[in-house]
Amino acid sequence: AHIHQDVKFYKNDLANGIIDLKNWYFFRNLSNYTLNWEVLANGEVVESGTIDNIVTAPQAKKTIQIPFKTAFKKDVEYFLNVAAVLKTDEPLLKAGYRVAYEQFQLQQANVAIPEKATKSLTFKTKGDIVSVNGRDFNLTFNQKEGALTTYNFKNKSVLESGPKVNFWRAPVDNDYGAGTQKRYKEWKDVVNAAKVTNAVKQLSKSEVQITFTRDLFGGDAKLIETFLVDGNGVVKVTNELKALKGKHSDFYKFGNKLVLPEAYKNITYYGKGPFEAYADRQHAAKMGLFKQTVAGQYFPYIRPQETGNKLDVRWVSLIKEDGSGIKFLSEKPFSVSALNYREDDLHSGDEKGQHHVGEIDPRKEVFVNIDGFQQGLGSINSW
């Protein structure tokens, strides 16, 4: 609906609050519409207002100045939201209904990264297990599996497993139409099949680095996953994929997947929303700060498949019922999903199955994907 709306907005001179409005109707002006606007600072509304008169002839364009007064602060991201709203009731639509909207970025900003730690931490190795210990927290890594296996804070479990590199998603209907569920299959379990080597270093009194290296496809590619743990309990995860030789298919995504305990019931994120968004289906989703439930992330398509992705996320927090939680952020925007379903729960296999949404039950755990990239949903040539 957002793409096909008959009132559209275009940037003009955003620094001075000037935008253009185009009335794409053929036979009506905009006398029954007002323009509502708001300024967001890091996703939160800091100023808003209404312009009552936006009368514009059919097929005509009008220049409008948004009278915001907000003084932009350094290292804060600002957006302008505008919406055309009905003044009075119309057939099937009540006064106040939003018939068109758009968002413009007023100022870019980098995500605030955690301060450099000064608290000390240590590590020790026993067999295949590397333990990293700091004040109030402890992490363990399995060198044989090449994985972070536990993270405890004040003797409470923060996660059940992960982050683990992942290239796979539950194929969508269009993936089956294009046959990518078979062409991309070599990436599904490639991480599990690869042999792991590792290195552990104490970089400083407040930083320990654990690196896992995997040779994929018999050496055709190299995957390097680095965990940098600091004295504050912050873990920086870096994934690097090097294509060396051979010919291989594309893959659905590149990121990490984690499993969190069932106590994580809520999700708060700063990114595009409030509904799911993907690279080729995102224009209706706009930047904002959204507070939602994990149970509400799953969209009940008739046939189970990939769902719930949030795009251009700056940061996301998964929150327990007691208010504690875990926060993910990145220097670059990323994608995130958090579901009570595993990928395999939503995957029909090599052939498109006909089971339905009501035939699978949610799990207690929370399955999180943090992705730097995910392929679009397609449909141009996959019917």
Protein backbone atom coordinates (compact mmCIF):
# COMPACT_ATOMS: atom_id res chain seq x y z
CA ALA A 1 0.00 0.00 0.00
CA HIS A 2 2.88 2.37 0.76
CA ILE A 3 4.22 2.07 -2.79
CA HIS A 4 0.79 2.64 -4.34
CA GLN A 5 -0.34 5.56 -2.15
CA ASP A 6 -1.83 8.46 -4.09
CA VAL A 7 -0.10 11.14 -2.05
CA LYS A 8 3.68 11.02 -2.12
CA PHE A 9 6.43 13.05 -0.50
CA TYR A 10 9.86 13.93 -1.92
CA LYS A 11 12.93 15.56 -0.40
CA ASN A 12 13.72 19.12 -1.44
CA ASP A 13 15.82 21.06 1.10
CA LEU A 14 15.72 18.91 4.21
CA ALA A 15 18.24 21.05 6.10
CA ASN A 16 15.61 23.81 6.08
CA GLY A 17 12.64 21.49 6.55
CA ILE A 18 11.43 21.81 2.95
CA ILE A 19 9.79 18.86 1.19
CA ASP A 20 7.61 18.42 -1.90
CA LEU A 21 4.18 16.83 -1.92
CA LYS A 22 2.68 15.33 -5.09
CA ASN A 23 -1.04 14.68 -5.41
CA TRP A 24 -1.29 11.70 -7.74
CA TYR A 25 -5.10 11.63 -7.67
CA PHE A 26 -6.79 12.50 -10.96
CA PHE A 27 -10.09 13.89 -9.67
CA ARG A 28 -9.68 15.17 -6.11
CA ASN A 29 -7.67 17.78 -4.28
CA LEU A 30 -6.37 17.28 -0.75
CA SER A 31 -8.81 19.52 1.09
CA ASN A 32 -9.83 16.70 3.45
CA TYR A 33 -6.25 15.96 4.46
CA THR A 34 -3.94 17.37 7.09
CA LEU A 35 -0.23 16.74 7.28
CA ASN A 36 1.08 15.35 10.55
CA TRP A 37 4.83 15.49 11.14
CA GLU A 38 7.30 14.41 13.79
CA VAL A 39 11.05 14.51 14.35
CA LEU A 40 12.77 11.41 15.71
CA ALA A 41 16.07 11.45 17.60
CA ASN A 42 17.60 7.97 17.73
CA GLY A 43 14.14 6.56 17.13
CA GLU A 44 12.23 8.59 19.75
CA VAL A 45 9.81 11.43 18.98
CA VAL A 46 11.23 14.76 20.20
CA GLU A 47 8.95 17.18 18.29
CA SER A 48 5.69 16.98 16.37
CA GLY A 49 3.06 19.14 14.75
CA THR A 50 0.27 19.46 12.17
CA ILE A 51 -0.15 21.50 9.00
CA ASP A 52 -3.89 21.90 8.39
CA ASN A 53 -3.91 23.17 4.82
CA ILE A 54 -2.20 21.02 2.19
CA VAL A 55 -4.77 21.58 -0.57
CA THR A 56 -3.15 20.52 -3.84
CA ALA A 57 -4.83 20.16 -7.21
CA PRO A 58 -4.97 16.72 -8.86
CA GLN A 59 -1.64 15.70 -10.44
CA ALA A 60 0.00 18.84 -9.01
CA LYS A 61 3.03 19.29 -6.76
CA LYS A 62 3.24 21.54 -3.69
CA THR A 63 6.29 22.67 -1.71
CA ILE A 64 5.84 22.54 2.06
CA GLN A 65 8.03 23.75 4.90
CA ILE A 66 7.97 21.69 8.08
CA PRO A 67 8.40 24.16 10.98
CA PHE A 68 10.49 22.00 13.29
CA LYS A 69 12.72 23.76 15.84
CA THR A 70 14.84 20.83 16.99
CA ALA A 71 18.54 21.67 17.30
CA PHE A 72 20.52 18.69 16.07
CA LYS A 73 23.05 17.25 18.51
CA LYS A 74 26.29 15.58 17.54
CA ASP A 75 26.25 11.76 17.35
CA VAL A 76 22.45 11.62 17.26
CA GLU A 77 20.52 10.29 14.26
CA TYR A 78 17.47 12.34 13.21
CA PHE A 79 14.54 11.44 10.97
CA LEU A 80 11.50 13.37 9.79
CA ASN A 81 8.20 11.50 9.53
CA VAL A 82 5.33 12.97 7.53
CA ALA A 83 1.82 11.60 7.00
CA ALA A 84 -1.34 12.67 5.17
CA VAL A 85 -4.32 12.08 7.48
CA LEU A 86 -8.09 12.38 6.93
CA LYS A 87 -9.80 15.39 8.52
CA THR A 88 -13.31 13.93 8.42
CA ASP A 89 -14.88 10.54 7.84
CA GLU A 90 -14.99 9.15 4.31
CA PRO A 91 -16.66 5.97 3.06
CA LEU A 92 -15.05 3.01 4.89
CA LEU A 93 -12.43 5.27 6.51
CA LYS A 94 -12.67 7.25 9.75
CA ALA A 95 -11.22 10.68 10.48
CA GLY A 96 -7.60 10.38 11.53
CA TYR A 97 -6.85 7.49 9.16
CA ARG A 98 -3.35 7.70 7.70
CA VAL A 99 -3.60 7.43 3.92
CA ALA A 100 0.03 8.17 3.03
CA TYR A 101 3.37 8.53 4.80
CA GLU A 102 7.10 8.91 4.27
CA GLN A 103 10.33 9.25 6.23
CA PHE A 104 13.42 11.35 5.54
CA GLN A 105 16.80 11.17 7.23
CA LEU A 106 17.83 14.57 8.55
CA GLN A 107 21.18 13.66 10.10
CA GLN A 108 23.30 10.53 10.10
CA ALA A 109 25.18 9.29 13.14
CA ASN A 110 27.36 6.39 14.13
CA VAL A 111 26.15 3.90 16.71
CA ALA A 112 27.66 4.55 20.13
CA ILE A 113 30.00 1.64 20.83
CA PRO A 114 30.76 0.53 24.41
CA GLU A 115 33.51 2.37 26.23
CA LYS A 116 36.92 0.72 26.32
CA ALA A 117 37.16 -1.57 29.34
CA THR A 118 39.66 -1.02 32.15
CA LYS A 119 38.64 -3.94 34.37
CA SER A 120 40.96 -6.92 34.20
CA LEU A 121 40.08 -10.45 33.09
CA THR A 122 41.96 -13.72 32.70
CA PHE A 123 41.65 -16.98 30.82
CA LYS A 124 42.67 -20.58 31.43
CA THR A 125 42.66 -23.69 29.29
CA LYS A 126 41.71 -27.18 30.41
CA GLY A 127 41.45 -29.80 27.71
CA ASP A 128 39.18 -28.50 24.96
CA ILE A 129 37.68 -25.79 27.18
CA VAL A 130 38.85 -22.19 27.37
CA SER A 131 37.40 -20.23 30.30
CA VAL A 132 37.44 -16.43 30.31
CA ASN A 133 36.79 -14.91 33.72
CA GLY A 134 36.03 -11.34 34.71
CA ARG A 135 34.25 -9.57 37.52
CA ASP A 136 30.72 -11.03 37.79
CA PHE A 137 30.94 -12.95 34.50
CA ASN A 138 32.40 -16.09 32.95
CA LEU A 139 32.50 -17.41 29.38
CA THR A 140 33.54 -20.83 28.13
CA PHE A 141 34.63 -21.76 24.61
CA ASN A 142 34.91 -25.27 23.19
CA GLN A 143 38.07 -25.39 21.06
CA LYS A 144 37.11 -28.65 19.38
CA GLU A 145 33.69 -27.36 18.32
CA GLY A 146 34.91 -23.82 17.71
CA ALA A 147 32.07 -22.29 19.67
CA LEU A 148 31.11 -20.07 22.60
CA THR A 149 29.26 -22.56 24.79
CA THR A 150 28.29 -20.64 27.95
CA TYR A 151 28.04 -17.06 29.15
CA ASN A 152 27.14 -16.56 32.81
CA PHE A 153 26.61 -13.19 34.48
CA LYS A 154 26.28 -13.15 38.28
CA ASN A 155 25.83 -16.93 38.14
CA LYS A 156 22.88 -16.68 35.74
CA SER A 157 22.94 -18.00 32.16
CA VAL A 158 22.84 -15.30 29.50
CA LEU A 159 22.64 -17.63 26.49
CA GLU A 160 22.36 -21.33 25.71
CA SER A 161 24.56 -21.47 22.60
CA GLY A 162 26.18 -19.32 19.93
CA PRO A 163 26.99 -17.00 18.27
CA LYS A 164 27.63 -19.48 15.47
CA VAL A 165 28.25 -18.52 11.84
CA ASN A 166 25.24 -19.23 9.64
CA PHE A 167 24.55 -19.05 5.89
CA TRP A 168 21.06 -20.60 5.83
CA ARG A 169 17.42 -19.62 6.26
CA ALA A 170 14.14 -21.52 6.06
CA PRO A 171 13.34 -21.17 2.33
CA VAL A 172 10.39 -18.94 1.41
CA ASP A 173 7.85 -19.86 -1.28
CA ASN A 174 9.82 -17.87 -3.86
CA ASP A 175 13.00 -19.74 -2.95
CA TYR A 176 11.24 -22.99 -3.85
CA GLY A 177 10.03 -21.41 -7.06
CA ALA A 178 13.59 -20.49 -7.99
CA GLY A 179 15.05 -23.78 -6.76
CA THR A 180 17.53 -22.11 -4.40
CA GLN A 181 16.68 -24.54 -1.58
CA LYS A 182 18.66 -27.11 -3.60
CA ARG A 183 21.27 -24.86 -5.25
CA TYR A 184 22.29 -23.25 -1.95
CA LYS A 185 22.11 -26.44 0.10
CA GLU A 186 25.88 -26.87 0.25
CA TRP A 187 25.99 -23.92 2.69
CA LYS A 188 23.38 -25.26 5.13
CA ASP A 189 25.70 -27.29 7.35
CA VAL A 190 29.10 -26.35 5.96
CA VAL A 191 30.21 -24.79 9.26
CA ASN A 192 29.44 -27.97 11.22
CA ALA A 193 31.34 -30.11 8.71
CA ALA A 194 34.52 -28.01 8.70
CA LYS A 195 37.61 -28.79 10.74
CA VAL A 196 38.43 -26.11 13.34
CA THR A 197 41.73 -24.60 14.43
CA ASN A 198 41.96 -21.96 17.14
CA ALA A 199 44.19 -19.41 18.81
CA VAL A 200 43.82 -17.72 22.21
CA LYS A 201 45.65 -14.51 23.14
CA GLN A 202 45.65 -12.14 26.11
CA LEU A 203 45.90 -8.84 24.24
CA SER A 204 45.97 -6.74 27.41
CA LYS A 205 44.95 -7.00 31.03
CA SER A 206 41.38 -6.20 29.94
CA GLU A 207 41.11 -8.06 26.61
CA VAL A 208 41.21 -11.72 25.59
CA GLN A 209 40.88 -12.78 21.94
CA ILE A 210 39.71 -16.22 20.78
CA THR A 211 39.90 -17.00 17.06
CA PHE A 212 38.37 -20.00 15.31
CA THR A 213 39.42 -20.76 11.73
CA ARG A 214 37.60 -23.20 9.45
CA ASP A 215 38.52 -24.46 5.98
CA LEU A 216 35.29 -24.77 4.02
CA PHE A 217 34.72 -27.06 1.03
CA GLY A 218 38.10 -28.73 1.38
CA GLY A 219 39.97 -25.44 1.40
CA ASP A 220 38.02 -23.57 -1.27
CA ALA A 221 37.12 -20.95 1.33
CA LYS A 222 38.32 -19.89 4.76
CA LEU A 223 36.02 -18.74 7.58
CA ILE A 224 37.54 -16.82 10.47
CA GLU A 225 35.40 -16.06 13.53
CA THR A 226 36.96 -13.87 16.22
CA PHE A 227 35.66 -13.25 19.75
CA LEU A 228 37.16 -10.27 21.58
CA VAL A 229 36.12 -10.33 25.24
CA ASP A 230 36.78 -7.31 27.45
CA GLY A 231 36.74 -6.71 31.18
CA ASN A 232 33.23 -5.26 31.12
CA GLY A 233 31.83 -8.51 29.72
CA VAL A 234 31.37 -7.10 26.22
CA VAL A 235 32.00 -9.60 23.42
CA LYS A 236 32.86 -8.31 19.95
CA VAL A 237 32.25 -10.92 17.27
CA THR A 238 33.89 -10.55 13.86
CA ASN A 239 33.19 -12.88 10.93
CA GLU A 240 35.43 -13.00 7.86
CA LEU A 241 34.80 -15.21 4.82
CA LYS A 242 37.58 -15.56 2.24
CA ALA A 243 36.75 -17.16 -1.11
CA LEU A 244 39.96 -18.79 -2.32
CA LYS A 245 39.16 -21.10 -5.22
CA GLY A 246 36.53 -23.34 -6.81
CA LYS A 247 32.99 -22.60 -7.90
CA HIS A 248 30.15 -22.56 -5.41
CA SER A 249 26.59 -21.27 -5.18
CA ASP A 250 25.37 -18.09 -3.57
CA PHE A 251 23.99 -18.33 -0.03
CA TYR A 252 20.94 -16.93 1.75
CA LYS A 253 22.67 -14.93 4.46
CA PHE A 254 25.89 -14.29 6.35
CA GLY A 255 25.69 -13.81 10.09
CA ASN A 256 25.43 -15.54 13.43
CA LYS A 257 22.73 -17.54 15.15
CA LEU A 258 22.23 -17.94 18.88
CA VAL A 259 19.89 -19.73 21.24
CA LEU A 260 18.63 -17.89 24.32
CA PRO A 261 16.70 -19.28 27.31
CA GLU A 262 12.91 -19.04 27.36
CA ALA A 263 13.02 -16.22 29.93
CA TYR A 264 13.65 -13.75 27.10
CA LYS A 265 10.07 -12.72 26.32
CA ASN A 266 10.51 -9.21 24.93
CA ILE A 267 12.48 -7.45 22.21
CA THR A 268 13.32 -3.76 21.84
CA TYR A 269 15.12 -2.53 18.75
CA TYR A 270 16.07 0.61 16.88
CA GLY A 271 15.62 -0.12 13.19
CA LYS A 272 12.98 -0.45 10.49
CA GLY A 273 9.56 -1.58 11.63
CA PRO A 274 7.19 -2.20 13.19
CA PHE A 275 6.72 -5.22 10.90
CA GLU A 276 9.24 -7.47 9.16
CA ALA A 277 11.42 -6.08 6.37
CA TYR A 278 13.84 -7.52 3.80
CA ALA A 279 16.23 -6.11 1.20
CA ASP A 280 13.55 -6.14 -1.51
CA ARG A 281 10.53 -5.57 0.75
CA GLN A 282 11.25 -2.69 3.09
CA HIS A 283 9.76 0.55 1.79
CA ALA A 284 6.71 0.49 4.07
CA ALA A 285 8.85 -0.14 7.17
CA LYS A 286 10.34 3.00 8.69
CA MET A 287 13.05 3.70 11.25
CA GLY A 288 11.92 3.90 14.85
CA LEU A 289 12.31 2.55 18.36
CA PHE A 290 10.03 -0.47 18.76
CA LYS A 291 9.13 -2.51 21.83
CA GLN A 292 7.56 -5.87 21.02
CA THR A 293 7.20 -9.44 22.26
CA VAL A 294 9.22 -12.39 21.01
CA ALA A 295 5.98 -14.36 20.55
CA GLY A 296 4.74 -11.63 18.20
CA GLN A 297 7.74 -11.83 15.86
CA TYR A 298 6.40 -14.83 13.96
CA PHE A 299 4.08 -13.99 11.06
CA PRO A 300 1.65 -16.87 10.37
CA TYR A 301 2.04 -17.35 6.63
CA ILE A 302 -0.15 -20.17 5.34
CA ARG A 303 2.95 -22.31 4.89
CA PRO A 304 5.82 -22.04 7.45
CA GLN A 305 8.93 -20.29 6.10
CA GLU A 306 11.46 -17.55 6.86
CA THR A 307 9.78 -14.72 8.78
CA GLY A 308 10.25 -11.94 11.31
CA ASN A 309 13.39 -10.25 9.97
CA LYS A 310 14.05 -6.65 11.03
CA LEU A 311 16.23 -4.57 8.71
CA ASP A 312 18.72 -1.68 9.15
CA VAL A 313 18.88 -2.32 12.88
CA ARG A 314 21.28 -0.13 14.88
CA TRP A 315 20.84 -2.07 18.11
CA VAL A 316 18.53 -4.66 19.61
CA SER A 317 17.91 -5.86 23.17
CA LEU A 318 16.35 -9.18 24.13
CA ILE A 319 14.84 -8.74 27.57
CA LYS A 320 13.87 -11.19 30.29
CA GLU A 321 10.74 -10.93 32.41
CA ASP A 322 12.82 -9.54 35.32
CA GLY A 323 14.04 -6.65 33.13
CA SER A 324 17.58 -7.92 32.56
CA GLY A 325 18.73 -8.74 29.06
CA ILE A 326 21.36 -8.93 26.35
CA LYS A 327 22.10 -6.19 23.81
CA PHE A 328 23.50 -6.51 20.29
CA LEU A 329 24.89 -3.59 18.31
CA SER A 330 27.15 -2.97 15.35
CA GLU A 331 29.08 -0.17 13.68
CA LYS A 332 27.02 -0.93 10.55
CA PRO A 333 23.24 -1.54 10.30
CA PHE A 334 22.33 -5.22 10.50
CA SER A 335 19.34 -7.56 10.39
CA VAL A 336 17.87 -9.44 13.33
CA SER A 337 15.15 -11.97 14.01
CA ALA A 338 14.08 -13.62 17.26
CA LEU A 339 11.62 -16.50 17.07
CA ASN A 340 10.38 -19.41 19.16
CA TYR A 341 11.07 -21.64 16.14
CA ARG A 342 14.24 -23.21 14.80
CA GLU A 343 15.05 -22.83 11.13
CA ASP A 344 14.42 -26.54 10.63
CA ASP A 345 10.92 -26.15 12.12
CA LEU A 346 10.07 -23.80 9.25
CA HIS A 347 11.93 -25.73 6.54
CA SER A 348 10.05 -28.21 4.34
CA GLY A 349 13.17 -29.86 2.94
CA ASP A 350 14.26 -30.21 -0.67
CA GLU A 351 10.65 -30.28 -1.88
CA LYS A 352 8.01 -27.75 -0.94
CA GLY A 353 5.79 -29.27 1.73
CA GLN A 354 2.17 -28.45 2.34
CA HIS A 355 2.02 -28.45 6.12
CA HIS A 356 0.44 -25.35 7.62
CA VAL A 357 1.19 -22.84 10.33
CA GLY A 358 -1.13 -24.44 12.88
CA GLU A 359 0.71 -27.74 12.60
CA ILE A 360 3.93 -26.60 14.28
CA ASP A 361 4.25 -25.64 17.93
CA PRO A 362 6.50 -22.87 19.24
CA ARG A 363 9.48 -23.90 21.33
CA LYS A 364 10.40 -22.44 24.70
CA GLU A 365 13.83 -21.26 23.60
CA VAL A 366 14.44 -18.08 21.60
CA PHE A 367 16.32 -18.56 18.33
CA VAL A 368 18.12 -15.35 17.35
CA ASN A 369 19.75 -14.45 14.03
CA ILE A 370 22.13 -11.49 13.78
CA ASP A 371 22.95 -11.02 10.10
CA GLY A 372 25.14 -8.60 8.19
CA PHE A 373 23.40 -9.65 4.98
CA GLN A 374 20.31 -11.59 3.93
CA GLN A 375 19.16 -12.22 0.39
CA GLY A 376 15.87 -10.64 -0.67
CA LEU A 377 12.61 -12.57 -0.94
CA GLY A 378 12.47 -12.55 -4.73
CA SER A 379 9.36 -13.16 -6.91
CA ILE A 380 10.41 -11.72 -10.28
CA ASN A 381 11.30 -15.09 -11.79
CA SER A 382 10.28 -17.60 -9.12
CA TRP A 383 6.54 -18.09 -9.57
